[in-house]
C-alpha atoms as a PDB file:
ATOM      1  CA  UNK A   1       7.733  24.389  -1.637  1.00  0.00           C
ATOM      2  CA  UNK A   2       7.257  25.719   1.875  1.00  0.00           C
ATOM      3  CA  UNK A   3       6.867  22.208   3.267  1.00  0.00           C
ATOM      4  CA  UNK A   4      10.018  21.020   1.523  1.00  0.00           C
ATOM      5  CA  UNK A   5      11.962  23.989   2.795  1.00  0.00           C
ATOM      6  CA  UNK A   6      10.741  23.405   6.328  1.00  0.00           C
ATOM      7  CA  UNK A   7      12.038  19.836   6.202  1.00  0.00           C
ATOM      8  CA  UNK A   8      15.467  21.182   5.333  1.00  0.00           C
ATOM      9  CA  UNK A   9      15.745  23.762   8.120  1.00  0.00           C
ATOM     10  CA  UNK A  10      18.752  23.408  10.382  1.00  0.00           C
ATOM     11  CA  UNK A  11      17.458  23.762  13.937  1.00  0.00           C
ATOM     12  CA  UNK A  12      17.573  22.118  17.344  1.00  0.00           C
ATOM     13  CA  UNK A  13      13.848  21.438  17.150  1.00  0.00           C
ATOM     14  CA  UNK A  14      14.278  19.679  13.823  1.00  0.00           C
ATOM     15  CA  UNK A  15      17.137  17.583  15.152  1.00  0.00           C
ATOM     16  CA  UNK A  16      15.054  16.614  18.197  1.00  0.00           C
ATOM     17  CA  UNK A  17      12.156  15.581  15.979  1.00  0.00           C
ATOM     18  CA  UNK A  18      14.539  13.345  14.034  1.00  0.00           C
ATOM     19  CA  UNK A  19      16.106  11.767  17.137  1.00  0.00           C
ATOM     20  CA  UNK A  20      14.824   8.241  16.372  1.00  0.00           C
ATOM     21  CA  UNK A  21      16.073   8.434  12.797  1.00  0.00           C
ATOM     22  CA  UNK A  22      19.437   9.736  14.028  1.00  0.00           C
ATOM     23  CA  UNK A  23      19.730   6.859  16.507  1.00  0.00           C
ATOM     24  CA  UNK A  24      18.862   4.269  13.862  1.00  0.00           C
ATOM     25  CA  UNK A  25      21.238   5.698  11.275  1.00  0.00           C
ATOM     26  CA  UNK A  26      24.043   6.013  13.853  1.00  0.00           C
ATOM     27  CA  UNK A  27      23.797   2.341  14.820  1.00  0.00           C
ATOM     28  CA  UNK A  28      23.678   1.296  11.158  1.00  0.00           C
ATOM     29  CA  UNK A  29      26.642   3.546  10.349  1.00  0.00           C
ATOM     30  CA  UNK A  30      28.676   2.010  13.174  1.00  0.00           C
ATOM     31  CA  UNK A  31      27.896  -1.532  12.014  1.00  0.00           C
ATOM     32  CA  UNK A  32      28.468  -0.754   8.326  1.00  0.00           C
ATOM     33  CA  UNK A  33      32.062   0.341   8.929  1.00  0.00           C
ATOM     34  CA  UNK A  34      33.005  -3.270   9.648  1.00  0.00           C
ATOM     35  CA  UNK A  35      30.460  -5.135   7.552  1.00  0.00           C
ATOM     36  CA  UNK A  36      31.913  -8.203   5.858  1.00  0.00           C
ATOM     37  CA  UNK A  37      34.821  -8.669   8.297  1.00  0.00           C
ATOM     38  CA  UNK A  38      34.971 -11.741  10.522  1.00  0.00           C
ATOM     39  CA  UNK A  39      35.472  -9.807  13.754  1.00  0.00           C
ATOM     40  CA  UNK A  40      32.916  -7.139  12.862  1.00  0.00           C
ATOM     41  CA  UNK A  41      32.662  -4.201  15.273  1.00  0.00           C
ATOM     42  CA  UNK A  42      35.477  -5.627  17.413  1.00  0.00           C
ATOM     43  CA  UNK A  43      37.849  -3.899  14.988  1.00  0.00           C
ATOM     44  CA  UNK A  44      36.507  -0.551  16.224  1.00  0.00           C
ATOM     45  CA  UNK A  45      38.141  -1.249  19.581  1.00  0.00           C
ATOM     46  CA  UNK A  46      41.205  -3.206  18.457  1.00  0.00           C
ATOM     47  CA  UNK A  47      42.902  -0.366  16.536  1.00  0.00           C
ATOM     48  CA  UNK A  48      42.813   2.235  19.370  1.00  0.00           C
ATOM     49  CA  UNK A  49      43.987  -0.380  21.897  1.00  0.00           C
ATOM     50  CA  UNK A  50      46.937  -1.284  19.663  1.00  0.00           C
ATOM     51  CA  UNK A  51      47.802   2.401  19.278  1.00  0.00           C
ATOM     52  CA  UNK A  52      47.781   2.841  23.056  1.00  0.00           C
ATOM     53  CA  UNK A  53      50.070  -0.176  23.465  1.00  0.00           C
ATOM     54  CA  UNK A  54      52.461   1.127  20.785  1.00  0.00           C
ATOM     55  CA  UNK A  55      52.667   4.605  22.332  1.00  0.00           C
ATOM     56  CA  UNK A  56      53.062   3.069  25.791  1.00  0.00           C
ATOM     57  CA  UNK A  57      55.895   0.783  24.636  1.00  0.00           C
ATOM     58  CA  UNK A  58      57.739   3.550  22.772  1.00  0.00           C
ATOM     59  CA  UNK A  59      57.473   6.185  25.488  1.00  0.00           C
ATOM     60  CA  UNK A  60      57.467   4.038  28.641  1.00  0.00           C
ATOM     61  CA  UNK A  61      59.893   1.274  27.678  1.00  0.00           C
ATOM     62  CA  UNK A  62      61.865   2.873  24.871  1.00  0.00           C
ATOM     63  CA  UNK A  63      62.361   6.451  26.052  1.00  0.00           C
ATOM     64  CA  UNK A  64      61.917   5.544  29.744  1.00  0.00           C
ATOM     65  CA  UNK A  65      60.400   8.839  30.936  1.00  0.00           C
ATOM     66  CA  UNK A  66      60.394   9.775  34.588  1.00  0.00           C
ATOM     67  CA  UNK A  67      56.976   9.884  36.309  1.00  0.00           C
ATOM     68  CA  UNK A  68      54.990  12.811  34.994  1.00  0.00           C
ATOM     69  CA  UNK A  69      54.352  15.820  37.210  1.00  0.00           C
ATOM     70  CA  UNK A  70      51.533  18.247  36.609  1.00  0.00           C
ATOM     71  CA  UNK A  71      51.498  21.963  37.497  1.00  0.00           C
ATOM     72  CA  UNK A  72      50.589  21.099  41.103  1.00  0.00           C
ATOM     73  CA  UNK A  73      53.604  18.792  41.384  1.00  0.00           C
ATOM     74  CA  UNK A  74      51.476  15.628  41.559  1.00  0.00           C
ATOM     75  CA  UNK A  75      53.296  12.600  40.162  1.00  0.00           C
ATOM     76  CA  UNK A  76      51.484  10.016  38.082  1.00  0.00           C
ATOM     77  CA  UNK A  77      52.414   7.005  35.933  1.00  0.00           C
ATOM     78  CA  UNK A  78      53.112   7.998  32.341  1.00  0.00           C
ATOM     79  CA  UNK A  79      50.582   5.477  31.000  1.00  0.00           C
ATOM     80  CA  UNK A  80      47.715   7.065  32.948  1.00  0.00           C
ATOM     81  CA  UNK A  81      48.781  10.576  32.021  1.00  0.00           C
ATOM     82  CA  UNK A  82      49.054   9.649  28.338  1.00  0.00           C
ATOM     83  CA  UNK A  83      45.804   7.711  28.035  1.00  0.00           C
ATOM     84  CA  UNK A  84      43.860  10.608  29.573  1.00  0.00           C
ATOM     85  CA  UNK A  85      44.868  12.593  26.495  1.00  0.00           C
ATOM     86  CA  UNK A  86      44.582   9.799  23.943  1.00  0.00           C
ATOM     87  CA  UNK A  87      40.974   8.832  24.733  1.00  0.00           C
ATOM     88  CA  UNK A  88      39.460  12.227  23.791  1.00  0.00           C
ATOM     89  CA  UNK A  89      41.847  12.489  20.849  1.00  0.00           C
ATOM     90  CA  UNK A  90      40.711   9.108  19.454  1.00  0.00           C
ATOM     91  CA  UNK A  91      37.125  10.349  19.514  1.00  0.00           C
ATOM     92  CA  UNK A  92      37.998  13.703  17.933  1.00  0.00           C
ATOM     93  CA  UNK A  93      39.982  11.963  15.201  1.00  0.00           C
ATOM     94  CA  UNK A  94      37.227   9.450  14.427  1.00  0.00           C
ATOM     95  CA  UNK A  95      34.354  11.956  14.625  1.00  0.00           C
ATOM     96  CA  UNK A  96      36.078  14.623  12.507  1.00  0.00           C
ATOM     97  CA  UNK A  97      37.177  12.157   9.834  1.00  0.00           C
ATOM     98  CA  UNK A  98      33.750  10.537   9.633  1.00  0.00           C
ATOM     99  CA  UNK A  99      31.800  13.774   9.969  1.00  0.00           C
ATOM    100  CA  UNK A 100      33.744  15.427   7.158  1.00  0.00           C
ATOM    101  CA  UNK A 101      32.707  12.594   4.822  1.00  0.00           C
ATOM    102  CA  UNK A 102      29.076  12.541   6.001  1.00  0.00           C
ATOM    103  CA  UNK A 103      27.507  14.077   2.900  1.00  0.00           C
ATOM    104  CA  UNK A 104      29.762  12.104   0.562  1.00  0.00           C
ATOM    105  CA  UNK A 105      29.009   8.784   2.283  1.00  0.00           C
ATOM    106  CA  UNK A 106      25.266   9.488   2.274  1.00  0.00           C
ATOM    107  CA  UNK A 107      25.041  11.215  -1.088  1.00  0.00           C
ATOM    108  CA  UNK A 108      21.983   9.117  -2.001  1.00  0.00           C
ATOM    109  CA  UNK A 109      20.135  10.655   0.957  1.00  0.00           C
ATOM    110  CA  UNK A 110      21.316  14.182   0.162  1.00  0.00           C
ATOM    111  CA  UNK A 111      19.566  13.949  -3.211  1.00  0.00           C
ATOM    112  CA  UNK A 112      16.225  13.257  -1.520  1.00  0.00           C
ATOM    113  CA  UNK A 113      14.408  16.591  -1.368  1.00  0.00           C
ATOM    114  CA  UNK A 114      12.555  15.961   1.891  1.00  0.00           C
ATOM    115  CA  UNK A 115      15.388  14.301   3.818  1.00  0.00           C
ATOM    116  CA  UNK A 116      16.950  16.261   6.680  1.00  0.00           C
ATOM    117  CA  UNK A 117      20.554  16.291   5.501  1.00  0.00           C
ATOM    118  CA  UNK A 118      21.574  18.418   8.484  1.00  0.00           C
ATOM    119  CA  UNK A 119      21.422  15.300  10.694  1.00  0.00           C
ATOM    120  CA  UNK A 120      24.100  13.432   8.716  1.00  0.00           C
ATOM    121  CA  UNK A 121      27.135  14.994  10.487  1.00  0.00           C
ATOM    122  CA  UNK A 122      25.376  14.240  13.799  1.00  0.00           C
ATOM    123  CA  UNK A 123      24.917  10.616  12.732  1.00  0.00           C
ATOM    124  CA  UNK A 124      28.656  10.263  12.105  1.00  0.00           C
ATOM    125  CA  UNK A 125      29.531  11.835  15.464  1.00  0.00           C
ATOM    126  CA  UNK A 126      27.146   9.604  17.422  1.00  0.00           C
ATOM    127  CA  UNK A 127      28.558   6.602  15.560  1.00  0.00           C
ATOM    128  CA  UNK A 128      31.972   7.584  16.974  1.00  0.00           C
ATOM    129  CA  UNK A 129      30.480   8.055  20.465  1.00  0.00           C
ATOM    130  CA  UNK A 130      29.885   4.291  20.811  1.00  0.00           C
ATOM    131  CA  UNK A 131      33.607   3.554  20.815  1.00  0.00           C
ATOM    132  CA  UNK A 132      34.286   6.590  22.990  1.00  0.00           C
ATOM    133  CA  UNK A 133      31.925   5.305  25.695  1.00  0.00           C
ATOM    134  CA  UNK A 134      33.801   2.004  25.762  1.00  0.00           C
ATOM    135  CA  UNK A 135      37.135   3.763  26.213  1.00  0.00           C
ATOM    136  CA  UNK A 136      35.749   6.018  28.935  1.00  0.00           C
ATOM    137  CA  UNK A 137      34.749   2.900  30.887  1.00  0.00           C
ATOM    138  CA  UNK A 138      38.108   1.288  30.115  1.00  0.00           C
ATOM    139  CA  UNK A 139      39.895   4.423  31.286  1.00  0.00           C
ATOM    140  CA  UNK A 140      38.034   4.571  34.608  1.00  0.00           C
ATOM    141  CA  UNK A 141      38.727   0.871  35.282  1.00  0.00           C
ATOM    142  CA  UNK A 142      42.426   1.267  34.397  1.00  0.00           C
ATOM    143  CA  UNK A 143      42.772   4.230  36.746  1.00  0.00           C
ATOM    144  CA  UNK A 144      41.044   2.274  39.520  1.00  0.00           C
ATOM    145  CA  UNK A 145      43.568  -0.565  39.082  1.00  0.00           C
ATOM    146  CA  UNK A 146      46.311   1.997  39.710  1.00  0.00           C
ATOM    147  CA  UNK A 147      44.557   3.282  42.837  1.00  0.00           C
ATOM    148  CA  UNK A 148      42.817   6.318  41.317  1.00  0.00           C
ATOM    149  CA  UNK A 149      39.266   5.428  42.266  1.00  0.00           C
ATOM    150  CA  UNK A 150      36.191   7.154  40.758  1.00  0.00           C
ATOM    151  CA  UNK A 151      34.776  10.066  42.745  1.00  0.00           C
ATOM    152  CA  UNK A 152      32.754  13.225  42.209  1.00  0.00           C
ATOM    153  CA  UNK A 153      35.473  14.764  40.040  1.00  0.00           C
ATOM    154  CA  UNK A 154      35.477  11.724  37.748  1.00  0.00           C
ATOM    155  CA  UNK A 155      31.958  12.638  36.638  1.00  0.00           C
ATOM    156  CA  UNK A 156      33.498  15.609  34.857  1.00  0.00           C
ATOM    157  CA  UNK A 157      34.576  13.336  32.000  1.00  0.00           C
ATOM    158  CA  UNK A 158      30.902  13.473  30.985  1.00  0.00           C
ATOM    159  CA  UNK A 159      31.068  17.271  30.876  1.00  0.00           C
ATOM    160  CA  UNK A 160      34.319  17.258  28.896  1.00  0.00           C
ATOM    161  CA  UNK A 161      32.895  14.651  26.509  1.00  0.00           C
ATOM    162  CA  UNK A 162      29.958  16.998  25.849  1.00  0.00           C
ATOM    163  CA  UNK A 163      32.465  19.804  25.239  1.00  0.00           C
ATOM    164  CA  UNK A 164      34.227  17.592  22.718  1.00  0.00           C
ATOM    165  CA  UNK A 165      30.998  16.652  20.940  1.00  0.00           C
ATOM    166  CA  UNK A 166      29.885  20.288  20.583  1.00  0.00           C
ATOM    167  CA  UNK A 167      33.335  21.315  19.323  1.00  0.00           C
ATOM    168  CA  UNK A 168      33.573  18.573  16.716  1.00  0.00           C
ATOM    169  CA  UNK A 169      29.965  19.182  15.661  1.00  0.00           C
ATOM    170  CA  UNK A 170      30.749  22.772  14.747  1.00  0.00           C
ATOM    171  CA  UNK A 171      33.900  21.756  12.887  1.00  0.00           C
ATOM    172  CA  UNK A 172      32.207  18.948  10.956  1.00  0.00           C
ATOM    173  CA  UNK A 173      29.281  21.110   9.854  1.00  0.00           C
ATOM    174  CA  UNK A 174      31.883  23.347   8.233  1.00  0.00           C
ATOM    175  CA  UNK A 175      34.140  20.637   6.789  1.00  0.00           C
ATOM    176  CA  UNK A 176      31.298  18.370   5.568  1.00  0.00           C
ATOM    177  CA  UNK A 177      29.833  21.283   3.600  1.00  0.00           C
ATOM    178  CA  UNK A 178      33.131  22.473   2.119  1.00  0.00           C
ATOM    179  CA  UNK A 179      34.427  18.997   1.169  1.00  0.00           C
ATOM    180  CA  UNK A 180      31.507  18.551  -1.250  1.00  0.00           C
ATOM    181  CA  UNK A 181      33.061  21.282  -3.426  1.00  0.00           C
ATOM    182  CA  UNK A 182      36.709  20.800  -2.461  1.00  0.00           C
ATOM    183  CA  UNK A 183      37.404  17.060  -2.196  1.00  0.00           C
ATOM    184  CA  UNK A 184      41.053  17.631  -1.322  1.00  0.00           C
ATOM    185  CA  UNK A 185      39.867  18.796   2.079  1.00  0.00           C
ATOM    186  CA  UNK A 186      39.809  15.118   3.123  1.00  0.00           C
ATOM    187  CA  UNK A 187      43.568  14.957   2.654  1.00  0.00           C
ATOM    188  CA  UNK A 188      44.034  18.303   4.405  1.00  0.00           C
ATOM    189  CA  UNK A 189      42.060  16.988   7.391  1.00  0.00           C
ATOM    190  CA  UNK A 190      44.232  13.860   7.528  1.00  0.00           C
ATOM    191  CA  UNK A 191      47.385  15.998   7.627  1.00  0.00           C
ATOM    192  CA  UNK A 192      45.908  18.291  10.282  1.00  0.00           C
ATOM    193  CA  UNK A 193      45.060  15.262  12.440  1.00  0.00           C
ATOM    194  CA  UNK A 194      48.556  13.813  12.021  1.00  0.00           C
ATOM    195  CA  UNK A 195      50.081  17.104  13.145  1.00  0.00           C
ATOM    196  CA  UNK A 196      47.375  17.794  15.719  1.00  0.00           C
ATOM    197  CA  UNK A 197      48.141  14.820  17.924  1.00  0.00           C
ATOM    198  CA  UNK A 198      51.627  16.264  18.451  1.00  0.00           C
ATOM    199  CA  UNK A 199      50.509  19.894  18.646  1.00  0.00           C
ATOM    200  CA  UNK A 200      48.161  18.944  21.482  1.00  0.00           C
ATOM    201  CA  UNK A 201      49.835  18.123  24.841  1.00  0.00           C
ATOM    202  CA  UNK A 202      49.027  14.417  24.762  1.00  0.00           C
ATOM    203  CA  UNK A 203      52.487  12.840  24.645  1.00  0.00           C
ATOM    204  CA  UNK A 204      54.316  15.829  26.096  1.00  0.00           C
ATOM    205  CA  UNK A 205      53.815  17.831  29.284  1.00  0.00           C
ATOM    206  CA  UNK A 206      53.141  21.519  28.757  1.00  0.00           C
ATOM    207  CA  UNK A 207      53.503  22.198  32.501  1.00  0.00           C
ATOM    208  CA  UNK A 208      57.170  21.174  32.617  1.00  0.00           C
ATOM    209  CA  UNK A 209      58.340  22.216  29.141  1.00  0.00           C
ATOM    210  CA  UNK A 210      61.157  24.752  29.004  1.00  0.00           C
ATOM    211  CA  UNK A 211      59.289  27.291  26.885  1.00  0.00           C
ATOM    212  CA  UNK A 212      58.436  30.939  27.317  1.00  0.00           C
ATOM    213  CA  UNK A 213      55.041  32.065  28.609  1.00  0.00           C
ATOM    214  CA  UNK A 214      54.126  33.529  25.205  1.00  0.00           C
ATOM    215  CA  UNK A 215      54.619  30.222  23.367  1.00  0.00           C
ATOM    216  CA  UNK A 216      52.890  28.345  26.162  1.00  0.00           C
ATOM    217  CA  UNK A 217      49.925  30.698  25.868  1.00  0.00           C
ATOM    218  CA  UNK A 218      49.728  30.091  22.110  1.00  0.00           C
ATOM    219  CA  UNK A 219      49.746  26.314  22.613  1.00  0.00           C
ATOM    220  CA  UNK A 220      46.966  26.645  25.186  1.00  0.00           C
ATOM    221  CA  UNK A 221      44.769  28.377  22.587  1.00  0.00           C
ATOM    222  CA  UNK A 222      44.240  24.954  21.027  1.00  0.00           C
ATOM    223  CA  UNK A 223      40.681  24.118  22.218  1.00  0.00           C
ATOM    224  CA  UNK A 224      41.675  20.476  22.583  1.00  0.00           C
ATOM    225  CA  UNK A 225      44.121  21.535  25.281  1.00  0.00           C
ATOM    226  CA  UNK A 226      41.137  22.440  27.479  1.00  0.00           C
ATOM    227  CA  UNK A 227      39.589  19.014  26.940  1.00  0.00           C
ATOM    228  CA  UNK A 228      42.777  16.988  27.406  1.00  0.00           C
ATOM    229  CA  UNK A 229      43.623  18.977  30.517  1.00  0.00           C
ATOM    230  CA  UNK A 230      40.043  18.500  31.680  1.00  0.00           C
ATOM    231  CA  UNK A 231      40.256  14.721  31.445  1.00  0.00           C
ATOM    232  CA  UNK A 232      43.454  14.819  33.482  1.00  0.00           C
ATOM    233  CA  UNK A 233      41.860  17.172  36.003  1.00  0.00           C
ATOM    234  CA  UNK A 234      38.896  14.814  36.357  1.00  0.00           C
ATOM    235  CA  UNK A 235      40.889  11.604  36.689  1.00  0.00           C
ATOM    236  CA  UNK A 236      44.143  12.703  38.343  1.00  0.00           C
ATOM    237  CA  UNK A 237      44.362  16.313  39.458  1.00  0.00           C
ATOM    238  CA  UNK A 238      40.844  16.416  40.957  1.00  0.00           C
ATOM    239  CA  UNK A 239      40.241  19.971  39.759  1.00  0.00           C
ATOM    240  CA  UNK A 240      36.715  21.171  38.935  1.00  0.00           C
ATOM    241  CA  UNK A 241      36.149  22.857  35.583  1.00  0.00           C
ATOM    242  CA  UNK A 242      34.810  25.999  37.274  1.00  0.00           C
ATOM    243  CA  UNK A 243      38.210  26.389  38.926  1.00  0.00           C
ATOM    244  CA  UNK A 244      39.557  27.237  35.469  1.00  0.00           C
ATOM    245  CA  UNK A 245      37.149  30.072  34.560  1.00  0.00           C
ATOM    246  CA  UNK A 246      39.427  31.699  31.998  1.00  0.00           C
ATOM    247  CA  UNK A 247      40.018  28.508  30.019  1.00  0.00           C
ATOM    248  CA  UNK A 248      36.358  27.509  30.298  1.00  0.00           C
ATOM    249  CA  UNK A 249      35.140  30.879  29.019  1.00  0.00           C
ATOM    250  CA  UNK A 250      37.664  30.823  26.153  1.00  0.00           C
ATOM    251  CA  UNK A 251      36.764  27.269  25.135  1.00  0.00           C
ATOM    252  CA  UNK A 252      33.016  27.891  25.037  1.00  0.00           C
ATOM    253  CA  UNK A 253      33.467  31.221  23.284  1.00  0.00           C
ATOM    254  CA  UNK A 254      35.635  29.597  20.610  1.00  0.00           C
ATOM    255  CA  UNK A 255      33.348  26.556  20.296  1.00  0.00           C
ATOM    256  CA  UNK A 256      30.090  28.484  20.021  1.00  0.00           C
ATOM    257  CA  UNK A 257      31.564  30.830  17.409  1.00  0.00           C
ATOM    258  CA  UNK A 258      32.787  27.830  15.422  1.00  0.00           C
ATOM    259  CA  UNK A 259      29.393  26.133  15.802  1.00  0.00           C
ATOM    260  CA  UNK A 260      27.697  29.257  14.437  1.00  0.00           C
ATOM    261  CA  UNK A 261      30.198  29.481  11.569  1.00  0.00           C
ATOM    262  CA  UNK A 262      29.820  25.800  10.700  1.00  0.00           C
ATOM    263  CA  UNK A 263      26.015  25.877  10.652  1.00  0.00           C
ATOM    264  CA  UNK A 264      26.027  29.181   8.736  1.00  0.00           C
ATOM    265  CA  UNK A 265      28.262  27.797   5.972  1.00  0.00           C
ATOM    266  CA  UNK A 266      26.243  24.568   5.899  1.00  0.00           C
ATOM    267  CA  UNK A 267      22.994  26.511   5.397  1.00  0.00           C
ATOM    268  CA  UNK A 268      24.497  28.688   2.666  1.00  0.00           C
ATOM    269  CA  UNK A 269      25.900  25.774   0.661  1.00  0.00           C
ATOM    270  CA  UNK A 270      23.115  23.268   1.315  1.00  0.00           C
ATOM    271  CA  UNK A 271      21.036  24.146  -1.761  1.00  0.00           C
ATOM    272  CA  UNK A 272      23.953  23.164  -4.040  1.00  0.00           C
ATOM    273  CA  UNK A 273      24.833  19.798  -2.433  1.00  0.00           C
ATOM    274  CA  UNK A 274      22.524  17.649  -4.558  1.00  0.00           C
ATOM    275  CA  UNK A 275      23.738  19.268  -7.801  1.00  0.00           C
ATOM    276  CA  UNK A 276      27.404  18.667  -7.035  1.00  0.00           C
ATOM    277  CA  UNK A 277      26.984  15.170  -5.624  1.00  0.00           C
END
């Protein structure tokens, strides 16, 4: 009994010990999403690219916005400004959706007594990382074509990607555990994501909006604001993350609390997963 319980412990050491299994499952999960289709994993990249083109056409050609200005008054093409927000959002959307379904998709593994079910949300997140890495490279190349060449500040997209992974990990530990007992949570998550893309300053500029400081402060409490702004700081504004100490402290405080909450709920509900599934 002690041995079985040890195999189920949720810990960094346990995750590290399972790193090879996580890598193997993540690759298989990524491939399985598109198994049976002629284009295979190419579909993983086609959908986000089409979404970018649709948003670009609607906002750039249809609404014809003026060049975007950030808080420092720096002008930038709307496409670059928008894609800096869309790339992290695509990852968050994919990782949260997949991570929430982790235990449901791998229910046959959950029922195995000695299997480390705590790695399943991680598997889903790493599966989403593969596409994210492609779009990070695409983003850097696109910016270079517009004259925004990579430099020291560009490396910060790695830091902000880590921020995003830790944030979504905490959220998915919570949602993947709760959805086992409340299946409607999948639909709730879909609605939240549909609203979230507009509640996050991706297609609109919070720096130039005619809103009061109180409302602006509330909108900035969205942890994804820190990440979206961070991508733009890294690629356009050339601002280091330590130059925003207040936002950085708030983001990590929020994220670590949510990570603790997610893992706590996961541990408490874990013993009932196999019975329900």
